[in-house]
Amino acid sequence: MTTSFWKTAAAALPPAVQRRYAAEFEAAERLERVLDLFLAAGSSARIALAKSCQAIALVLRATARFLDAAARRLALTH
């Protein structure tokens, strides 16, 4: 596991500045973790939506074939 950007950035600052802005760096690190979780969840949701759309498309294609066959049968009986 790598060291976070925020810990590395804080460590690069003089000790007095590190102490003064420690809370901000910790908040930024927490925000980054929340954003990572949000983006991962969004990616999963997009994948699930894509799979749902594919399933709906399959059903619609099957329905279209059924309706086309029914229309042909009706046209032949007249």
PDB file of N, CA and C in Angstrom:
ATOM      1  N   MET A   1       0.851  -1.183   0.000  1.00  0.00           N
ATOM      2  CA  MET A   1       0.000   0.000   0.000  1.00  0.00           C
ATOM      3  C   MET A   1       0.891   1.239   0.000  1.00  0.00           C
ATOM      4  N   THR A   2       0.477   2.248  -0.730  1.00  0.00           N
ATOM      5  CA  THR A   2       1.288   3.451  -0.846  1.00  0.00           C
ATOM      6  C   THR A   2       0.886   4.474   0.201  1.00  0.00           C
ATOM      7  N   THR A   3       1.798   5.366   0.483  1.00  0.00           N
ATOM      8  CA  THR A   3       1.506   6.470   1.399  1.00  0.00           C
ATOM      9  C   THR A   3       0.605   7.455   0.665  1.00  0.00           C
ATOM     10  N   SER A   4      -0.356   8.004   1.380  1.00  0.00           N
ATOM     11  CA  SER A   4      -1.292   8.912   0.713  1.00  0.00           C
ATOM     12  C   SER A   4      -0.596  10.202   0.284  1.00  0.00           C
ATOM     13  N   PHE A   5      -1.156  10.793  -0.733  1.00  0.00           N
ATOM     14  CA  PHE A   5      -0.646  12.069  -1.229  1.00  0.00           C
ATOM     15  C   PHE A   5      -0.618  13.102  -0.112  1.00  0.00           C
ATOM     16  N   TRP A   6      -1.676  13.118   0.693  1.00  0.00           N
ATOM     17  CA  TRP A   6      -1.807  14.148   1.726  1.00  0.00           C
ATOM     18  C   TRP A   6      -0.770  13.978   2.824  1.00  0.00           C
ATOM     19  N   LYS A   7      -0.448  12.741   3.200  1.00  0.00           N
ATOM     20  CA  LYS A   7       0.600  12.513   4.213  1.00  0.00           C
ATOM     21  C   LYS A   7       1.962  12.923   3.660  1.00  0.00           C
ATOM     22  N   THR A   8       2.208  12.604   2.401  1.00  0.00           N
ATOM     23  CA  THR A   8       3.469  12.979   1.770  1.00  0.00           C
ATOM     24  C   THR A   8       3.581  14.498   1.681  1.00  0.00           C
ATOM     25  N   ALA A   9       2.491  15.143   1.286  1.00  0.00           N
ATOM     26  CA  ALA A   9       2.496  16.607   1.165  1.00  0.00           C
ATOM     27  C   ALA A   9       2.717  17.258   2.525  1.00  0.00           C
ATOM     28  N   ALA A  10       2.060  16.754   3.546  1.00  0.00           N
ATOM     29  CA  ALA A  10       2.219  17.319   4.887  1.00  0.00           C
ATOM     30  C   ALA A  10       3.648  17.119   5.387  1.00  0.00           C
ATOM     31  N   ALA A  11       4.212  15.950   5.118  1.00  0.00           N
ATOM     32  CA  ALA A  11       5.570  15.661   5.571  1.00  0.00           C
ATOM     33  C   ALA A  11       6.602  16.567   4.899  1.00  0.00           C
ATOM     34  N   ALA A  12       6.282  17.080   3.729  1.00  0.00           N
ATOM     35  CA  ALA A  12       7.209  17.950   3.009  1.00  0.00           C
ATOM     36  C   ALA A  12       7.227  19.369   3.575  1.00  0.00           C
ATOM     37  N   LEU A  13       6.299  19.689   4.445  1.00  0.00           N
ATOM     38  CA  LEU A  13       6.206  21.034   5.008  1.00  0.00           C
ATOM     39  C   LEU A  13       7.026  21.138   6.294  1.00  0.00           C
ATOM     40  N   PRO A  14       7.408  22.354   6.668  1.00  0.00           N
ATOM     41  CA  PRO A  14       8.096  22.544   7.947  1.00  0.00           C
ATOM     42  C   PRO A  14       7.181  22.115   9.108  1.00  0.00           C
ATOM     43  N   PRO A  15       7.767  21.636  10.214  1.00  0.00           N
ATOM     44  CA  PRO A  15       6.960  21.138  11.336  1.00  0.00           C
ATOM     45  C   PRO A  15       5.904  22.123  11.844  1.00  0.00           C
ATOM     46  N   ALA A  16       6.217  23.404  11.894  1.00  0.00           N
ATOM     47  CA  ALA A  16       5.238  24.380  12.383  1.00  0.00           C
ATOM     48  C   ALA A  16       4.027  24.443  11.449  1.00  0.00           C
ATOM     49  N   VAL A  17       4.265  24.359  10.152  1.00  0.00           N
ATOM     50  CA  VAL A  17       3.182  24.398   9.172  1.00  0.00           C
ATOM     51  C   VAL A  17       2.393  23.086   9.232  1.00  0.00           C
ATOM     52  N   GLN A  18       3.103  21.970   9.416  1.00  0.00           N
ATOM     53  CA  GLN A  18       2.430  20.672   9.552  1.00  0.00           C
ATOM     54  C   GLN A  18       1.423  20.716  10.697  1.00  0.00           C
ATOM     55  N   ARG A  19       1.862  21.232  11.835  1.00  0.00           N
ATOM     56  CA  ARG A  19       0.960  21.294  13.006  1.00  0.00           C
ATOM     57  C   ARG A  19      -0.215  22.222  12.740  1.00  0.00           C
ATOM     58  N   ARG A  20       0.056  23.363  12.115  1.00  0.00           N
ATOM     59  CA  ARG A  20      -0.996  24.348  11.879  1.00  0.00           C
ATOM     60  C   ARG A  20      -2.074  23.804  10.941  1.00  0.00           C
ATOM     61  N   TYR A  21      -1.687  23.029   9.929  1.00  0.00           N
ATOM     62  CA  TYR A  21      -2.636  22.566   8.922  1.00  0.00           C
ATOM     63  C   TYR A  21      -2.928  21.068   9.007  1.00  0.00           C
ATOM     64  N   ALA A  22      -2.589  20.433  10.114  1.00  0.00           N
ATOM     65  CA  ALA A  22      -2.793  18.987  10.262  1.00  0.00           C
ATOM     66  C   ALA A  22      -4.265  18.616  10.067  1.00  0.00           C
ATOM     67  N   ALA A  23      -5.162  19.372  10.641  1.00  0.00           N
ATOM     68  CA  ALA A  23      -6.603  19.061  10.532  1.00  0.00           C
ATOM     69  C   ALA A  23      -7.072  19.145   9.072  1.00  0.00           C
ATOM     70  N   GLU A  24      -6.573  20.130   8.335  1.00  0.00           N
ATOM     71  CA  GLU A  24      -6.971  20.271   6.936  1.00  0.00           C
ATOM     72  C   GLU A  24      -6.463  19.101   6.095  1.00  0.00           C
ATOM     73  N   PHE A  25      -5.223  18.670   6.362  1.00  0.00           N
ATOM     74  CA  PHE A  25      -4.695  17.536   5.623  1.00  0.00           C
ATOM     75  C   PHE A  25      -5.465  16.258   5.947  1.00  0.00           C
ATOM     76  N   GLU A  26      -5.823  16.068   7.202  1.00  0.00           N
ATOM     77  CA  GLU A  26      -6.616  14.896   7.589  1.00  0.00           C
ATOM     78  C   GLU A  26      -7.994  14.936   6.942  1.00  0.00           C
ATOM     79  N   ALA A  27      -8.614  16.113   6.913  1.00  0.00           N
ATOM     80  CA  ALA A  27      -9.929  16.253   6.270  1.00  0.00           C
ATOM     81  C   ALA A  27      -9.835  15.966   4.776  1.00  0.00           C
ATOM     82  N   ALA A  28      -8.774  16.441   4.141  1.00  0.00           N
ATOM     83  CA  ALA A  28      -8.590  16.187   2.707  1.00  0.00           C
ATOM     84  C   ALA A  28      -8.416  14.694   2.450  1.00  0.00           C
ATOM     85  N   GLU A  29      -7.691  14.016   3.335  1.00  0.00           N
ATOM     86  CA  GLU A  29      -7.502  12.578   3.167  1.00  0.00           C
ATOM     87  C   GLU A  29      -8.834  11.829   3.332  1.00  0.00           C
ATOM     88  N   ARG A  30      -9.643  12.231   4.308  1.00  0.00           N
ATOM     89  CA  ARG A  30     -10.968  11.603   4.487  1.00  0.00           C
ATOM     90  C   ARG A  30     -11.853  11.865   3.274  1.00  0.00           C
ATOM     91  N   LEU A  31     -11.842  13.089   2.780  1.00  0.00           N
ATOM     92  CA  LEU A  31     -12.643  13.435   1.602  1.00  0.00           C
ATOM     93  C   LEU A  31     -12.227  12.601   0.394  1.00  0.00           C
ATOM     94  N   GLU A  32     -10.923  12.411   0.236  1.00  0.00           N
ATOM     95  CA  GLU A  32     -10.443  11.601  -0.880  1.00  0.00           C
ATOM     96  C   GLU A  32     -10.963  10.163  -0.775  1.00  0.00           C
ATOM     97  N   ARG A  33     -10.979   9.596   0.444  1.00  0.00           N
ATOM     98  CA  ARG A  33     -11.496   8.236   0.624  1.00  0.00           C
ATOM     99  C   ARG A  33     -12.980   8.168   0.292  1.00  0.00           C
ATOM    100  N   VAL A  34     -13.738   9.176   0.716  1.00  0.00           N
ATOM    101  CA  VAL A  34     -15.170   9.209   0.417  1.00  0.00           C
ATOM    102  C   VAL A  34     -15.404   9.323  -1.083  1.00  0.00           C
ATOM    103  N   LEU A  35     -14.638  10.162  -1.745  1.00  0.00           N
ATOM    104  CA  LEU A  35     -14.777  10.304  -3.202  1.00  0.00           C
ATOM    105  C   LEU A  35     -14.432   9.009  -3.921  1.00  0.00           C
ATOM    106  N   ASP A  36     -13.385   8.322  -3.444  1.00  0.00           N
ATOM    107  CA  ASP A  36     -13.033   7.029  -4.046  1.00  0.00           C
ATOM    108  C   ASP A  36     -14.183   6.037  -3.915  1.00  0.00           C
ATOM    109  N   LEU A  37     -14.808   5.984  -2.736  1.00  0.00           N
ATOM    110  CA  LEU A  37     -15.946   5.084  -2.528  1.00  0.00           C
ATOM    111  C   LEU A  37     -17.117   5.465  -3.429  1.00  0.00           C
ATOM    112  N   PHE A  38     -17.377   6.753  -3.530  1.00  0.00           N
ATOM    113  CA  PHE A  38     -18.473   7.245  -4.360  1.00  0.00           C
ATOM    114  C   PHE A  38     -18.253   6.881  -5.826  1.00  0.00           C
ATOM    115  N   LEU A  39     -17.020   7.073  -6.298  1.00  0.00           N
ATOM    116  CA  LEU A  39     -16.722   6.749  -7.699  1.00  0.00           C
ATOM    117  C   LEU A  39     -16.813   5.253  -7.950  1.00  0.00           C
ATOM    118  N   ALA A  40     -16.369   4.452  -6.991  1.00  0.00           N
ATOM    119  CA  ALA A  40     -16.476   2.996  -7.144  1.00  0.00           C
ATOM    120  C   ALA A  40     -17.940   2.573  -7.186  1.00  0.00           C
ATOM    121  N   ALA A  41     -18.758   3.164  -6.327  1.00  0.00           N
ATOM    122  CA  ALA A  41     -20.195   2.842  -6.322  1.00  0.00           C
ATOM    123  C   ALA A  41     -20.846   3.283  -7.627  1.00  0.00           C
ATOM    124  N   GLY A  42     -20.460   4.441  -8.121  1.00  0.00           N
ATOM    125  CA  GLY A  42     -21.003   4.924  -9.393  1.00  0.00           C
ATOM    126  C   GLY A  42     -20.636   4.005 -10.541  1.00  0.00           C
ATOM    127  N   SER A  43     -19.434   3.497 -10.515  1.00  0.00           N
ATOM    128  CA  SER A  43     -19.001   2.575 -11.560  1.00  0.00           C
ATOM    129  C   SER A  43     -19.828   1.295 -11.510  1.00  0.00           C
ATOM    130  N   SER A  44     -20.048   0.784 -10.311  1.00  0.00           N
ATOM    131  CA  SER A  44     -20.863  -0.427 -10.170  1.00  0.00           C
ATOM    132  C   SER A  44     -22.289  -0.178 -10.646  1.00  0.00           C
ATOM    133  N   ALA A  45     -22.822   0.988 -10.331  1.00  0.00           N
ATOM    134  CA  ALA A  45     -24.185   1.310 -10.751  1.00  0.00           C
ATOM    135  C   ALA A  45     -24.275   1.399 -12.271  1.00  0.00           C
ATOM    136  N   ARG A  46     -23.259   1.987 -12.904  1.00  0.00           N
ATOM    137  CA  ARG A  46     -23.264   2.077 -14.367  1.00  0.00           C
ATOM    138  C   ARG A  46     -23.219   0.687 -14.995  1.00  0.00           C
ATOM    139  N   ILE A  47     -22.416  -0.190 -14.421  1.00  0.00           N
ATOM    140  CA  ILE A  47     -22.324  -1.559 -14.950  1.00  0.00           C
ATOM    141  C   ILE A  47     -23.667  -2.260 -14.808  1.00  0.00           C
ATOM    142  N   ALA A  48     -24.302  -2.118 -13.637  1.00  0.00           N
ATOM    143  CA  ALA A  48     -25.603  -2.753 -13.423  1.00  0.00           C
ATOM    144  C   ALA A  48     -26.649  -2.192 -14.384  1.00  0.00           C
ATOM    145  N   LEU A  49     -26.632  -0.888 -14.597  1.00  0.00           N
ATOM    146  CA  LEU A  49     -27.576  -0.270 -15.532  1.00  0.00           C
ATOM    147  C   LEU A  49     -27.344  -0.773 -16.948  1.00  0.00           C
ATOM    148  N   ALA A  50     -26.086  -0.904 -17.349  1.00  0.00           N
ATOM    149  CA  ALA A  50     -25.778  -1.400 -18.687  1.00  0.00           C
ATOM    150  C   ALA A  50     -26.296  -2.824 -18.861  1.00  0.00           C
ATOM    151  N   LYS A  51     -26.115  -3.665 -17.848  1.00  0.00           N
ATOM    152  CA  LYS A  51     -26.602  -5.042 -17.935  1.00  0.00           C
ATOM    153  C   LYS A  51     -28.128  -5.069 -18.007  1.00  0.00           C
ATOM    154  N   SER A  52     -28.788  -4.203 -17.250  1.00  0.00           N
ATOM    155  CA  SER A  52     -30.247  -4.127 -17.305  1.00  0.00           C
ATOM    156  C   SER A  52     -30.711  -3.706 -18.695  1.00  0.00           C
ATOM    157  N   CYS A  53     -30.031  -2.730 -19.264  1.00  0.00           N
ATOM    158  CA  CYS A  53     -30.397  -2.271 -20.612  1.00  0.00           C
ATOM    159  C   CYS A  53     -30.195  -3.375 -21.636  1.00  0.00           C
ATOM    160  N   GLN A  54     -29.135  -4.159 -21.495  1.00  0.00           N
ATOM    161  CA  GLN A  54     -28.910  -5.273 -22.408  1.00  0.00           C
ATOM    162  C   GLN A  54     -30.028  -6.297 -22.293  1.00  0.00           C
ATOM    163  N   ALA A  55     -30.461  -6.583 -21.058  1.00  0.00           N
ATOM    164  CA  ALA A  55     -31.542  -7.552 -20.858  1.00  0.00           C
ATOM    165  C   ALA A  55     -32.842  -7.032 -21.469  1.00  0.00           C
ATOM    166  N   ILE A  56     -33.128  -5.759 -21.283  1.00  0.00           N
ATOM    167  CA  ILE A  56     -34.336  -5.169 -21.858  1.00  0.00           C
ATOM    168  C   ILE A  56     -34.277  -5.234 -23.387  1.00  0.00           C
ATOM    169  N   ALA A  57     -33.095  -4.961 -23.952  1.00  0.00           N
ATOM    170  CA  ALA A  57     -32.944  -5.023 -25.405  1.00  0.00           C
ATOM    171  C   ALA A  57     -33.208  -6.433 -25.923  1.00  0.00           C
ATOM    172  N   LEU A  58     -32.736  -7.446 -25.195  1.00  0.00           N
ATOM    173  CA  LEU A  58     -32.997  -8.833 -25.601  1.00  0.00           C
ATOM    174  C   LEU A  58     -34.491  -9.133 -25.596  1.00  0.00           C
ATOM    175  N   VAL A  59     -35.177  -8.679 -24.551  1.00  0.00           N
ATOM    176  CA  VAL A  59     -36.624  -8.902 -24.462  1.00  0.00           C
ATOM    177  C   VAL A  59     -37.342  -8.185 -25.597  1.00  0.00           C
ATOM    178  N   LEU A  60     -36.926  -6.955 -25.877  1.00  0.00           N
ATOM    179  CA  LEU A  60     -37.573  -6.196 -26.955  1.00  0.00           C
ATOM    180  C   LEU A  60     -37.338  -6.844 -28.312  1.00  0.00           C
ATOM    181  N   ARG A  61     -36.127  -7.364 -28.540  1.00  0.00           N
ATOM    182  CA  ARG A  61     -35.860  -8.041 -29.811  1.00  0.00           C
ATOM    183  C   ARG A  61     -36.722  -9.298 -29.941  1.00  0.00           C
ATOM    184  N   ALA A  62     -36.849 -10.053 -28.849  1.00  0.00           N
ATOM    185  CA  ALA A  62     -37.678 -11.265 -28.882  1.00  0.00           C
ATOM    186  C   ALA A  62     -39.132 -10.901 -29.135  1.00  0.00           C
ATOM    187  N   THR A  63     -39.594  -9.832 -28.483  1.00  0.00           N
ATOM    188  CA  THR A  63     -40.971  -9.380 -28.679  1.00  0.00           C
ATOM    189  C   THR A  63     -41.187  -8.937 -30.119  1.00  0.00           C
ATOM    190  N   ALA A  64     -40.225  -8.231 -30.671  1.00  0.00           N
ATOM    191  CA  ALA A  64     -40.338  -7.774 -32.063  1.00  0.00           C
ATOM    192  C   ALA A  64     -40.412  -8.969 -33.016  1.00  0.00           C
ATOM    193  N   ARG A  65     -39.584  -9.989 -32.777  1.00  0.00           N
ATOM    194  CA  ARG A  65     -39.640 -11.185 -33.639  1.00  0.00           C
ATOM    195  C   ARG A  65     -41.002 -11.859 -33.528  1.00  0.00           C
ATOM    196  N   PHE A  66     -41.541 -11.957 -32.303  1.00  0.00           N
ATOM    197  CA  PHE A  66     -42.848 -12.566 -32.092  1.00  0.00           C
ATOM    198  C   PHE A  66     -43.930 -11.785 -32.840  1.00  0.00           C
ATOM    199  N   LEU A  67     -43.909 -10.466 -32.708  1.00  0.00           N
ATOM    200  CA  LEU A  67     -44.917  -9.628 -33.370  1.00  0.00           C
ATOM    201  C   LEU A  67     -44.773  -9.699 -34.885  1.00  0.00           C
ATOM    202  N   ASP A  68     -43.544  -9.759 -35.368  1.00  0.00           N
ATOM    203  CA  ASP A  68     -43.321  -9.874 -36.813  1.00  0.00           C
ATOM    204  C   ASP A  68     -43.892 -11.196 -37.332  1.00  0.00           C
ATOM    205  N   ALA A  69     -43.653 -12.280 -36.604  1.00  0.00           N
ATOM    206  CA  ALA A  69     -44.175 -13.588 -37.020  1.00  0.00           C
ATOM    207  C   ALA A  69     -45.704 -13.586 -36.982  1.00  0.00           C
ATOM    208  N   ALA A  70     -46.276 -12.963 -35.946  1.00  0.00           N
ATOM    209  CA  ALA A  70     -47.735 -12.893 -35.852  1.00  0.00           C
ATOM    210  C   ALA A  70     -48.318 -12.086 -37.005  1.00  0.00           C
ATOM    211  N   ALA A  71     -47.661 -10.990 -37.364  1.00  0.00           N
ATOM    212  CA  ALA A  71     -48.137 -10.164 -38.479  1.00  0.00           C
ATOM    213  C   ALA A  71     -48.075 -10.944 -39.784  1.00  0.00           C
ATOM    214  N   ARG A  72     -47.019 -11.725 -39.981  1.00  0.00           N
ATOM    215  CA  ARG A  72     -46.915 -12.533 -41.200  1.00  0.00           C
ATOM    216  C   ARG A  72     -48.013 -13.583 -41.250  1.00  0.00           C
ATOM    217  N   ARG A  73     -48.284 -14.207 -40.097  1.00  0.00           N
ATOM    218  CA  ARG A  73     -49.359 -15.224 -40.074  1.00  0.00           C
ATOM    219  C   ARG A  73     -50.707 -14.588 -40.389  1.00  0.00           C
ATOM    220  N   LEU A  74     -50.957 -13.407 -39.832  1.00  0.00           N
ATOM    221  CA  LEU A  74     -52.230 -12.715 -40.100  1.00  0.00           C
ATOM    222  C   LEU A  74     -52.319 -12.312 -41.563  1.00  0.00           C
ATOM    223  N   ALA A  75     -51.224 -11.899 -42.154  1.00  0.00           N
ATOM    224  CA  ALA A  75     -51.237 -11.493 -43.569  1.00  0.00           C
ATOM    225  C   ALA A  75     -51.501 -12.695 -44.470  1.00  0.00           C
ATOM    226  N   LEU A  76     -51.045 -13.864 -44.091  1.00  0.00           N
ATOM    227  CA  LEU A  76     -51.237 -15.053 -44.908  1.00  0.00           C
ATOM    228  C   LEU A  76     -52.652 -15.615 -44.789  1.00  0.00           C
ATOM    229  N   THR A  77     -53.336 -15.331 -43.704  1.00  0.00           N
ATOM    230  CA  THR A  77     -54.682 -15.897 -43.519  1.00  0.00           C
ATOM    231  C   THR A  77     -55.756 -15.081 -44.222  1.00  0.00           C
ATOM    232  N   HIS A  78     -55.457 -13.917 -44.682  1.00  0.00           N
ATOM    233  CA  HIS A  78     -56.485 -13.095 -45.351  1.00  0.00           C
ATOM    234  C   HIS A  78     -56.589 -13.416 -46.787  1.00  0.00           C
TER     235      HIS A  78
END
